[in-house]
PDB file of N, CA and C in Angstrom:
ATOM      1  N   MET A   1    -105.556   8.032   5.642  1.00  0.00           N
ATOM      2  CA  MET A   1    -105.507   8.979   6.284  1.00  0.00           C
ATOM      3  C   MET A   1    -106.096   9.955   5.184  1.00  0.00           C
ATOM      4  N   MET A   2    -107.590  10.573   5.457  1.00  0.00           N
ATOM      5  CA  MET A   2    -107.933  11.343   4.320  1.00  0.00           C
ATOM      6  C   MET A   2    -107.262  12.799   4.596  1.00  0.00           C
ATOM      7  N   SER A   3    -107.138  13.654   3.737  1.00  0.00           N
ATOM      8  CA  SER A   3    -107.084  14.891   4.228  1.00  0.00           C
ATOM      9  C   SER A   3    -107.503  15.841   2.951  1.00  0.00           C
ATOM     10  N   GLY A   4    -106.995  17.103   3.049  1.00  0.00           N
ATOM     11  CA  GLY A   4    -107.941  17.923   2.281  1.00  0.00           C
ATOM     12  C   GLY A   4    -107.168  19.383   2.285  1.00  0.00           C
ATOM     13  N   ALA A   5    -106.523  20.192   1.209  1.00  0.00           N
ATOM     14  CA  ALA A   5    -106.328  21.603   0.760  1.00  0.00           C
ATOM     15  C   ALA A   5    -106.476  22.133   0.541  1.00  0.00           C
ATOM     16  N   ILE A   6    -106.350  23.462   1.146  1.00  0.00           N
ATOM     17  CA  ILE A   6    -107.472  24.797  -0.254  1.00  0.00           C
ATOM     18  C   ILE A   6    -106.068  25.541  -0.765  1.00  0.00           C
ATOM     19  N   LEU A   7    -106.138  25.620  -1.901  1.00  0.00           N
ATOM     20  CA  LEU A   7    -105.047  26.452  -2.063  1.00  0.00           C
ATOM     21  C   LEU A   7    -105.640  28.192  -2.527  1.00  0.00           C
ATOM     22  N   THR A   8    -104.608  29.288  -2.452  1.00  0.00           N
ATOM     23  CA  THR A   8    -105.089  30.217  -2.804  1.00  0.00           C
ATOM     24  C   THR A   8    -104.109  30.937  -3.610  1.00  0.00           C
ATOM     25  N   THR A   9    -104.526  31.764  -4.031  1.00  0.00           N
ATOM     26  CA  THR A   9    -103.952  32.533  -4.949  1.00  0.00           C
ATOM     27  C   THR A   9    -104.234  34.221  -5.491  1.00  0.00           C
ATOM     28  N   ARG A  10    -103.701  35.461  -5.643  1.00  0.00           N
ATOM     29  CA  ARG A  10    -104.103  36.486  -6.089  1.00  0.00           C
ATOM     30  C   ARG A  10    -105.456  36.338  -5.919  1.00  0.00           C
ATOM     31  N   ALA A  11    -105.966  37.296  -5.832  1.00  0.00           N
ATOM     32  CA  ALA A  11    -108.108  38.157  -6.298  1.00  0.00           C
ATOM     33  C   ALA A  11    -107.430  38.355  -7.926  1.00  0.00           C
ATOM     34  N   ASN A  12    -108.168  37.782  -8.524  1.00  0.00           N
ATOM     35  CA  ASN A  12    -108.405  38.568  -9.654  1.00  0.00           C
ATOM     36  C   ASN A  12    -109.455  39.823  -9.779  1.00  0.00           C
ATOM     37  N   ASP A  13    -109.353  40.648 -10.592  1.00  0.00           N
ATOM     38  CA  ASP A  13    -110.210  41.862  -9.949  1.00  0.00           C
ATOM     39  C   ASP A  13    -111.606  42.065  -9.544  1.00  0.00           C
ATOM     40  N   ALA A  14    -112.080  41.036 -10.576  1.00  0.00           N
ATOM     41  CA  ALA A  14    -113.893  40.873  -9.527  1.00  0.00           C
ATOM     42  C   ALA A  14    -113.941  41.204  -8.138  1.00  0.00           C
ATOM     43  N   LEU A  15    -113.088  39.707  -7.645  1.00  0.00           N
ATOM     44  CA  LEU A  15    -113.218  39.726  -5.919  1.00  0.00           C
ATOM     45  C   LEU A  15    -111.981  40.729  -5.313  1.00  0.00           C
ATOM     46  N   GLN A  16    -111.224  41.230  -5.686  1.00  0.00           N
ATOM     47  CA  GLN A  16    -110.365  42.314  -4.852  1.00  0.00           C
ATOM     48  C   GLN A  16    -110.480  42.988  -4.004  1.00  0.00           C
ATOM     49  N   GLU A  17    -111.791  44.094  -3.759  1.00  0.00           N
ATOM     50  CA  GLU A  17    -112.300  44.587  -3.135  1.00  0.00           C
ATOM     51  C   GLU A  17    -112.880  43.721  -2.006  1.00  0.00           C
ATOM     52  N   ILE A  18    -113.375  42.509  -2.308  1.00  0.00           N
ATOM     53  CA  ILE A  18    -114.179  41.076  -1.150  1.00  0.00           C
ATOM     54  C   ILE A  18    -112.606  40.852  -0.281  1.00  0.00           C
ATOM     55  N   HIS A  19    -111.504  40.646  -0.900  1.00  0.00           N
ATOM     56  CA  HIS A  19    -110.444  39.607  -0.679  1.00  0.00           C
ATOM     57  C   HIS A  19    -108.900  39.438  -1.117  1.00  0.00           C
ATOM     58  N   ALA A  20    -108.023  39.734  -0.882  1.00  0.00           N
ATOM     59  CA  ALA A  20    -106.826  39.673  -1.770  1.00  0.00           C
ATOM     60  C   ALA A  20    -106.401  38.247  -2.123  1.00  0.00           C
ATOM     61  N   ARG A  21    -106.735  37.264  -1.281  1.00  0.00           N
ATOM     62  CA  ARG A  21    -106.950  36.084  -2.131  1.00  0.00           C
ATOM     63  C   ARG A  21    -108.116  35.245  -2.139  1.00  0.00           C
ATOM     64  N   MET A  22    -107.773  34.451  -3.295  1.00  0.00           N
ATOM     65  CA  MET A  22    -108.954  33.623  -3.779  1.00  0.00           C
ATOM     66  C   MET A  22    -108.132  32.361  -3.686  1.00  0.00           C
ATOM     67  N   PRO A  23    -109.766  31.082  -3.944  1.00  0.00           N
ATOM     68  CA  PRO A  23    -109.352  29.639  -4.472  1.00  0.00           C
ATOM     69  C   PRO A  23    -108.558  29.827  -5.567  1.00  0.00           C
ATOM     70  N   VAL A  24    -107.933  28.679  -5.545  1.00  0.00           N
ATOM     71  CA  VAL A  24    -107.606  28.256  -6.794  1.00  0.00           C
ATOM     72  C   VAL A  24    -108.474  27.648  -7.639  1.00  0.00           C
ATOM     73  N   VAL A  25    -108.706  27.219  -8.711  1.00  0.00           N
ATOM     74  CA  VAL A  25    -109.566  26.284  -9.645  1.00  0.00           C
ATOM     75  C   VAL A  25    -108.890  25.606 -10.499  1.00  0.00           C
ATOM     76  N   LEU A  26    -109.089  24.047  -9.904  1.00  0.00           N
ATOM     77  CA  LEU A  26    -108.059  23.233 -11.025  1.00  0.00           C
ATOM     78  C   LEU A  26    -109.569  22.739 -11.836  1.00  0.00           C
ATOM     79  N   GLU A  27    -109.703  23.137 -13.303  1.00  0.00           N
ATOM     80  CA  GLU A  27    -109.872  22.179 -14.370  1.00  0.00           C
ATOM     81  C   GLU A  27    -110.002  21.156 -13.885  1.00  0.00           C
ATOM     82  N   PRO A  28    -111.502  20.356 -13.801  1.00  0.00           N
ATOM     83  CA  PRO A  28    -111.194  19.025 -15.115  1.00  0.00           C
ATOM     84  C   PRO A  28    -110.298  18.463 -15.900  1.00  0.00           C
ATOM     85  N   GLU A  29    -109.732  19.084 -16.896  1.00  0.00           N
ATOM     86  CA  GLU A  29    -108.849  18.946 -18.154  1.00  0.00           C
ATOM     87  C   GLU A  29    -107.478  18.587 -17.300  1.00  0.00           C
ATOM     88  N   ILE A  30    -106.938  19.288 -16.287  1.00  0.00           N
ATOM     89  CA  ILE A  30    -106.288  19.267 -15.344  1.00  0.00           C
ATOM     90  C   ILE A  30    -105.994  18.037 -14.184  1.00  0.00           C
ATOM     91  N   TRP A  31    -106.878  17.937 -13.719  1.00  0.00           N
ATOM     92  CA  TRP A  31    -106.995  16.978 -12.745  1.00  0.00           C
ATOM     93  C   TRP A  31    -105.832  15.675 -12.810  1.00  0.00           C
ATOM     94  N   GLU A  32    -105.494  15.303 -13.636  1.00  0.00           N
ATOM     95  CA  GLU A  32    -104.299  14.240 -14.129  1.00  0.00           C
ATOM     96  C   GLU A  32    -103.723  14.491 -13.899  1.00  0.00           C
ATOM     97  N   GLU A  33    -102.809  15.780 -14.487  1.00  0.00           N
ATOM     98  CA  GLU A  33    -101.375  16.283 -14.900  1.00  0.00           C
ATOM     99  C   GLU A  33    -101.524  16.732 -12.826  1.00  0.00           C
ATOM    100  N   TRP A  34    -102.118  17.445 -12.574  1.00  0.00           N
ATOM    101  CA  TRP A  34    -102.127  18.016 -11.245  1.00  0.00           C
ATOM    102  C   TRP A  34    -101.896  16.895  -9.949  1.00  0.00           C
ATOM    103  N   LEU A  35    -102.413  15.378 -10.199  1.00  0.00           N
ATOM    104  CA  LEU A  35    -101.909  14.455  -9.581  1.00  0.00           C
ATOM    105  C   LEU A  35    -101.199  13.746  -9.348  1.00  0.00           C
ATOM    106  N   ASP A  36    -100.497  14.228 -10.872  1.00  0.00           N
ATOM    107  CA  ASP A  36     -99.350  12.796 -11.379  1.00  0.00           C
ATOM    108  C   ASP A  36     -98.208  13.736 -10.935  1.00  0.00           C
ATOM    109  N   PRO A  37     -97.578  12.612  -9.918  1.00  0.00           N
ATOM    110  CA  PRO A  37     -96.150  12.812  -8.891  1.00  0.00           C
ATOM    111  C   PRO A  37     -95.036  13.092 -10.066  1.00  0.00           C
ATOM    112  N   GLU A  38     -95.533  13.048 -11.284  1.00  0.00           N
ATOM    113  CA  GLU A  38     -94.238  13.152 -11.889  1.00  0.00           C
ATOM    114  C   GLU A  38     -94.692  14.582 -12.521  1.00  0.00           C
ATOM    115  N   SER A  39     -95.585  15.519 -12.219  1.00  0.00           N
ATOM    116  CA  SER A  39     -95.382  16.470 -12.911  1.00  0.00           C
ATOM    117  C   SER A  39     -94.710  17.646 -12.377  1.00  0.00           C
ATOM    118  N   SER A  40     -94.165  18.402 -12.647  1.00  0.00           N
ATOM    119  CA  SER A  40     -93.072  19.269 -12.441  1.00  0.00           C
ATOM    120  C   SER A  40     -93.375  20.339 -11.383  1.00  0.00           C
ATOM    121  N   VAL A  41     -93.079  20.882 -10.461  1.00  0.00           N
ATOM    122  CA  VAL A  41     -93.715  22.483  -9.608  1.00  0.00           C
ATOM    123  C   VAL A  41     -94.015  23.133  -9.943  1.00  0.00           C
ATOM    124  N   GLU A  42     -92.750  23.585 -10.893  1.00  0.00           N
ATOM    125  CA  GLU A  42     -92.701  25.300 -11.690  1.00  0.00           C
ATOM    126  C   GLU A  42     -94.308  25.154 -12.363  1.00  0.00           C
ATOM    127  N   LYS A  43     -94.652  23.340 -13.327  1.00  0.00           N
ATOM    128  CA  LYS A  43     -95.188  23.934 -14.165  1.00  0.00           C
ATOM    129  C   LYS A  43     -96.529  23.525 -13.454  1.00  0.00           C
ATOM    130  N   LEU A  44     -96.388  23.020 -12.939  1.00  0.00           N
ATOM    131  CA  LEU A  44     -98.139  22.882 -11.250  1.00  0.00           C
ATOM    132  C   LEU A  44     -98.581  24.195 -11.347  1.00  0.00           C
ATOM    133  N   ALA A  45     -97.237  25.177 -10.853  1.00  0.00           N
ATOM    134  CA  ALA A  45     -97.281  26.960 -10.218  1.00  0.00           C
ATOM    135  C   ALA A  45     -97.799  27.351 -11.050  1.00  0.00           C
ATOM    136  N   GLN A  46     -97.512  27.984 -12.341  1.00  0.00           N
ATOM    137  CA  GLN A  46     -98.456  27.828 -13.440  1.00  0.00           C
ATOM    138  C   GLN A  46     -99.925  28.087 -13.677  1.00  0.00           C
ATOM    139  N   ARG A  47    -100.624  26.964 -12.887  1.00  0.00           N
ATOM    140  CA  ARG A  47    -101.711  26.434 -13.180  1.00  0.00           C
ATOM    141  C   ARG A  47    -102.705  27.161 -11.734  1.00  0.00           C
ATOM    142  N   CYS A  48    -101.797  27.317 -11.129  1.00  0.00           N
ATOM    143  CA  CYS A  48    -102.663  28.601 -10.014  1.00  0.00           C
ATOM    144  C   CYS A  48    -102.771  30.125 -10.009  1.00  0.00           C
ATOM    145  N   GLU A  49    -102.672  29.898 -11.411  1.00  0.00           N
ATOM    146  CA  GLU A  49    -103.185  31.857 -11.610  1.00  0.00           C
ATOM    147  C   GLU A  49    -104.911  31.813 -11.372  1.00  0.00           C
ATOM    148  N   PRO A  50    -105.074  33.462 -11.388  1.00  0.00           N
ATOM    149  CA  PRO A  50    -106.359  33.247 -11.086  1.00  0.00           C
ATOM    150  C   PRO A  50    -107.672  33.045 -11.916  1.00  0.00           C
ATOM    151  N   VAL A  51    -108.921  32.806 -11.913  1.00  0.00           N
ATOM    152  CA  VAL A  51    -109.582  32.539 -12.896  1.00  0.00           C
ATOM    153  C   VAL A  51    -110.038  33.842 -12.841  1.00  0.00           C
ATOM    154  N   SER A  52    -110.733  33.798 -14.202  1.00  0.00           N
ATOM    155  CA  SER A  52    -111.364  34.542 -15.200  1.00  0.00           C
ATOM    156  C   SER A  52    -111.987  35.492 -13.875  1.00  0.00           C
ATOM    157  N   ASP A  53    -111.945  36.838 -14.296  1.00  0.00           N
ATOM    158  CA  ASP A  53    -113.309  37.888 -13.522  1.00  0.00           C
ATOM    159  C   ASP A  53    -114.781  37.379 -13.624  1.00  0.00           C
ATOM    160  N   ASP A  54    -115.519  36.520 -14.220  1.00  0.00           N
ATOM    161  CA  ASP A  54    -116.453  36.331 -14.258  1.00  0.00           C
ATOM    162  C   ASP A  54    -116.691  34.450 -14.206  1.00  0.00           C
ATOM    163  N   TYR A  55    -115.610  34.412 -13.688  1.00  0.00           N
ATOM    164  CA  TYR A  55    -115.975  32.475 -13.049  1.00  0.00           C
ATOM    165  C   TYR A  55    -116.917  32.267 -11.764  1.00  0.00           C
ATOM    166  N   PHE A  56    -116.873  33.659 -10.920  1.00  0.00           N
ATOM    167  CA  PHE A  56    -117.621  33.305  -9.847  1.00  0.00           C
ATOM    168  C   PHE A  56    -118.866  34.535  -9.633  1.00  0.00           C
ATOM    169  N   GLU A  57    -119.752  33.652  -9.075  1.00  0.00           N
ATOM    170  CA  GLU A  57    -121.243  34.548  -9.184  1.00  0.00           C
ATOM    171  C   GLU A  57    -120.943  35.458  -7.665  1.00  0.00           C
ATOM    172  N   ILE A  58    -120.492  36.907  -7.641  1.00  0.00           N
ATOM    173  CA  ILE A  58    -120.484  37.575  -5.999  1.00  0.00           C
ATOM    174  C   ILE A  58    -122.230  37.815  -5.576  1.00  0.00           C
ATOM    175  N   THR A  59    -122.023  37.607  -5.164  1.00  0.00           N
ATOM    176  CA  THR A  59    -123.676  38.068  -4.381  1.00  0.00           C
ATOM    177  C   THR A  59    -123.698  38.130  -3.018  1.00  0.00           C
ATOM    178  N   ALA A  60    -124.106  39.441  -2.619  1.00  0.00           N
ATOM    179  CA  ALA A  60    -124.147  39.593  -1.136  1.00  0.00           C
ATOM    180  C   ALA A  60    -124.819  38.854  -0.510  1.00  0.00           C
ATOM    181  N   VAL A  61    -124.483  38.139   1.091  1.00  0.00           N
ATOM    182  CA  VAL A  61    -125.147  37.588   1.685  1.00  0.00           C
ATOM    183  C   VAL A  61    -125.586  38.282   2.769  1.00  0.00           C
ATOM    184  N   SER A  62    -126.461  37.501   3.784  1.00  0.00           N
ATOM    185  CA  SER A  62    -126.625  38.319   5.459  1.00  0.00           C
ATOM    186  C   SER A  62    -125.878  37.927   5.999  1.00  0.00           C
ATOM    187  N   ASP A  63    -125.522  37.987   7.522  1.00  0.00           N
ATOM    188  CA  ASP A  63    -125.109  37.856   8.497  1.00  0.00           C
ATOM    189  C   ASP A  63    -125.334  36.624   8.871  1.00  0.00           C
ATOM    190  N   ARG A  64    -126.122  36.420   8.579  1.00  0.00           N
ATOM    191  CA  ARG A  64    -126.495  35.099   8.779  1.00  0.00           C
ATOM    192  C   ARG A  64    -125.135  34.109   9.267  1.00  0.00           C
ATOM    193  N   VAL A  65    -124.166  34.131   8.023  1.00  0.00           N
ATOM    194  CA  VAL A  65    -123.100  33.520   7.822  1.00  0.00           C
ATOM    195  C   VAL A  65    -122.142  33.301   8.721  1.00  0.00           C
ATOM    196  N   ASN A  66    -121.922  34.666   9.451  1.00  0.00           N
ATOM    197  CA  ASN A  66    -121.054  34.645  10.246  1.00  0.00           C
ATOM    198  C   ASN A  66    -120.984  33.711  11.374  1.00  0.00           C
ATOM    199  N   GLN A  67    -122.025  32.817  11.785  1.00  0.00           N
ATOM    200  CA  GLN A  67    -122.167  31.897  12.772  1.00  0.00           C
ATOM    201  C   GLN A  67    -122.378  30.362  12.300  1.00  0.00           C
ATOM    202  N   THR A  68    -121.408  29.620  13.069  1.00  0.00           N
ATOM    203  CA  THR A  68    -121.756  28.329  12.532  1.00  0.00           C
ATOM    204  C   THR A  68    -122.309  27.499  12.577  1.00  0.00           C
ATOM    205  N   ARG A  69    -123.615  28.062  13.814  1.00  0.00           N
ATOM    206  CA  ARG A  69    -124.555  27.159  14.240  1.00  0.00           C
ATOM    207  C   ARG A  69    -125.557  27.585  13.117  1.00  0.00           C
ATOM    208  N   ASN A  70    -125.506  28.281  11.924  1.00  0.00           N
ATOM    209  CA  ASN A  70    -126.230  28.380  10.698  1.00  0.00           C
ATOM    210  C   ASN A  70    -126.052  27.730   9.567  1.00  0.00           C
ATOM    211  N   ASP A  71    -125.993  26.339   9.488  1.00  0.00           N
ATOM    212  CA  ASP A  71    -125.657  26.211   9.114  1.00  0.00           C
ATOM    213  C   ASP A  71    -126.734  24.970   7.960  1.00  0.00           C
ATOM    214  N   ASP A  72    -127.122  25.926   7.178  1.00  0.00           N
ATOM    215  CA  ASP A  72    -128.509  25.711   6.228  1.00  0.00           C
ATOM    216  C   ASP A  72    -128.492  26.461   5.194  1.00  0.00           C
ATOM    217  N   VAL A  73    -129.795  26.164   4.400  1.00  0.00           N
ATOM    218  CA  VAL A  73    -129.470  26.805   3.067  1.00  0.00           C
ATOM    219  C   VAL A  73    -129.889  28.051   3.132  1.00  0.00           C
ATOM    220  N   LEU A  74    -130.474  29.030   4.115  1.00  0.00           N
ATOM    221  CA  LEU A  74    -130.719  30.236   4.069  1.00  0.00           C
ATOM    222  C   LEU A  74    -129.755  31.161   4.276  1.00  0.00           C
ATOM    223  N   CYS A  75    -128.242  29.992   4.474  1.00  0.00           N
ATOM    224  CA  CYS A  75    -127.316  31.431   3.976  1.00  0.00           C
ATOM    225  C   CYS A  75    -126.913  31.622   2.868  1.00  0.00           C
ATOM    226  N   LEU A  76    -127.413  30.918   2.230  1.00  0.00           N
ATOM    227  CA  LEU A  76    -127.121  31.211   0.655  1.00  0.00           C
ATOM    228  C   LEU A  76    -127.671  32.459  -0.061  1.00  0.00           C
ATOM    229  N   GLU A  77    -129.166  32.587   0.790  1.00  0.00           N
ATOM    230  CA  GLU A  77    -129.883  33.586   0.064  1.00  0.00           C
ATOM    231  C   GLU A  77    -129.281  35.152  -0.136  1.00  0.00           C
ATOM    232  N   PRO A  78    -129.802  36.454  -0.930  1.00  0.00           N
ATOM    233  CA  PRO A  78    -128.858  36.894  -0.992  1.00  0.00           C
ATOM    234  C   PRO A  78    -129.648  38.412   0.370  1.00  0.00           C
ATOM    235  N   ALA A  79    -128.242  38.612   0.764  1.00  0.00           N
ATOM    236  CA  ALA A  79    -128.718  39.626   2.033  1.00  0.00           C
ATOM    237  C   ALA A  79    -129.937  40.279   1.134  1.00  0.00           C
ATOM    238  N   GLY A  80    -130.956  40.497   2.106  1.00  0.00           N
ATOM    239  CA  GLY A  80    -132.241  41.601   2.090  1.00  0.00           C
ATOM    240  C   GLY A  80    -133.742  40.768   2.210  1.00  0.00           C
ATOM    241  N   SER A  81    -133.135  38.928   1.853  1.00  0.00           N
ATOM    242  CA  SER A  81    -134.718  38.595   1.392  1.00  0.00           C
ATOM    243  C   SER A  81    -135.042  37.573   2.386  1.00  0.00           C
ATOM    244  N   LEU A  82    -133.724  37.949   3.186  1.00  0.00           N
ATOM    245  CA  LEU A  82    -134.764  36.574   4.682  1.00  0.00           C
ATOM    246  C   LEU A  82    -135.505  38.178   5.483  1.00  0.00           C
ATOM    247  N   ARG A  83    -136.490  37.351   5.965  1.00  0.00           N
ATOM    248  CA  ARG A  83    -137.299  38.030   7.010  1.00  0.00           C
ATOM    249  C   ARG A  83    -136.501  38.083   8.297  1.00  0.00           C
ATOM    250  N   GLY A  84    -136.388  39.755   8.491  1.00  0.00           N
ATOM    251  CA  GLY A  84    -135.048  39.899   9.830  1.00  0.00           C
ATOM    252  C   GLY A  84    -133.686  40.129   9.183  1.00  0.00           C
ATOM    253  N   SER A  85    -134.107  40.364   8.534  1.00  0.00           N
ATOM    254  CA  SER A  85    -132.038  40.159   7.707  1.00  0.00           C
ATOM    255  C   SER A  85    -131.750  41.821   8.411  1.00  0.00           C
ATOM    256  N   ALA A  86    -130.529  41.893   8.837  1.00  0.00           N
ATOM    257  CA  ALA A  86    -129.973  42.571   9.797  1.00  0.00           C
ATOM    258  C   ALA A  86    -129.824  43.696   8.662  1.00  0.00           C
ATOM    259  N   SER A  87    -130.237  45.363   9.071  1.00  0.00           N
ATOM    260  CA  SER A  87    -130.402  46.373   8.130  1.00  0.00           C
ATOM    261  C   SER A  87    -129.023  47.656   8.612  1.00  0.00           C
ATOM    262  N   GLY A  88    -129.150  47.589   9.711  1.00  0.00           N
ATOM    263  CA  GLY A  88    -128.321  48.265  10.539  1.00  0.00           C
ATOM    264  C   GLY A  88    -128.688  48.874  11.541  1.00  0.00           C
ATOM    265  N   THR A  89    -130.074  48.479  11.724  1.00  0.00           N
ATOM    266  CA  THR A  89    -130.872  49.694  12.611  1.00  0.00           C
ATOM    267  C   THR A  89    -131.364  48.438  13.504  1.00  0.00           C
ATOM    268  N   GLN A  90    -131.589  48.634  14.578  1.00  0.00           N
ATOM    269  CA  GLN A  90    -132.268  47.809  15.895  1.00  0.00           C
ATOM    270  C   GLN A  90    -133.719  46.939  15.160  1.00  0.00           C
ATOM    271  N   GLY A  91    -134.647  47.605  14.479  1.00  0.00           N
ATOM    272  CA  GLY A  91    -135.422  47.081  13.394  1.00  0.00           C
ATOM    273  C   GLY A  91    -135.466  46.164  12.697  1.00  0.00           C
ATOM    274  N   GLY A  92    -134.195  46.118  12.598  1.00  0.00           N
ATOM    275  CA  GLY A  92    -133.756  45.148  11.673  1.00  0.00           C
ATOM    276  C   GLY A  92    -133.567  43.325  12.051  1.00  0.00           C
ATOM    277  N   LEU A  93    -133.465  43.515  13.696  1.00  0.00           N
ATOM    278  CA  LEU A  93    -133.359  42.607  14.173  1.00  0.00           C
ATOM    279  C   LEU A  93    -135.064  41.584  14.491  1.00  0.00           C
ATOM    280  N   PHE A  94    -136.147  41.962  13.881  1.00  0.00           N
ATOM    281  CA  PHE A  94    -137.539  41.367  14.250  1.00  0.00           C
ATOM    282  C   PHE A  94    -138.198  41.788  13.058  1.00  0.00           C
TER     283      PHE A  94
END
């Protein structure tokens, strides 16, 4: 059976104003340790610290991302760069 999980930790300073939690990032050099059933839970828990503030690039995106039917690269466009991006006014719909 294939399965997956997303582990979260407290947000770093850069992401705190967006959300209180952020994904745990496991760098490739610790994958083997993470997957080793002999690794101690306490030691692995120490690996669940937030990454540095400059690890992620924070970019505002349009509200297009709020609908699951919009599953395309346009969801990655910065806010305001899409034709018809919501601007908070009715005119932003066209």
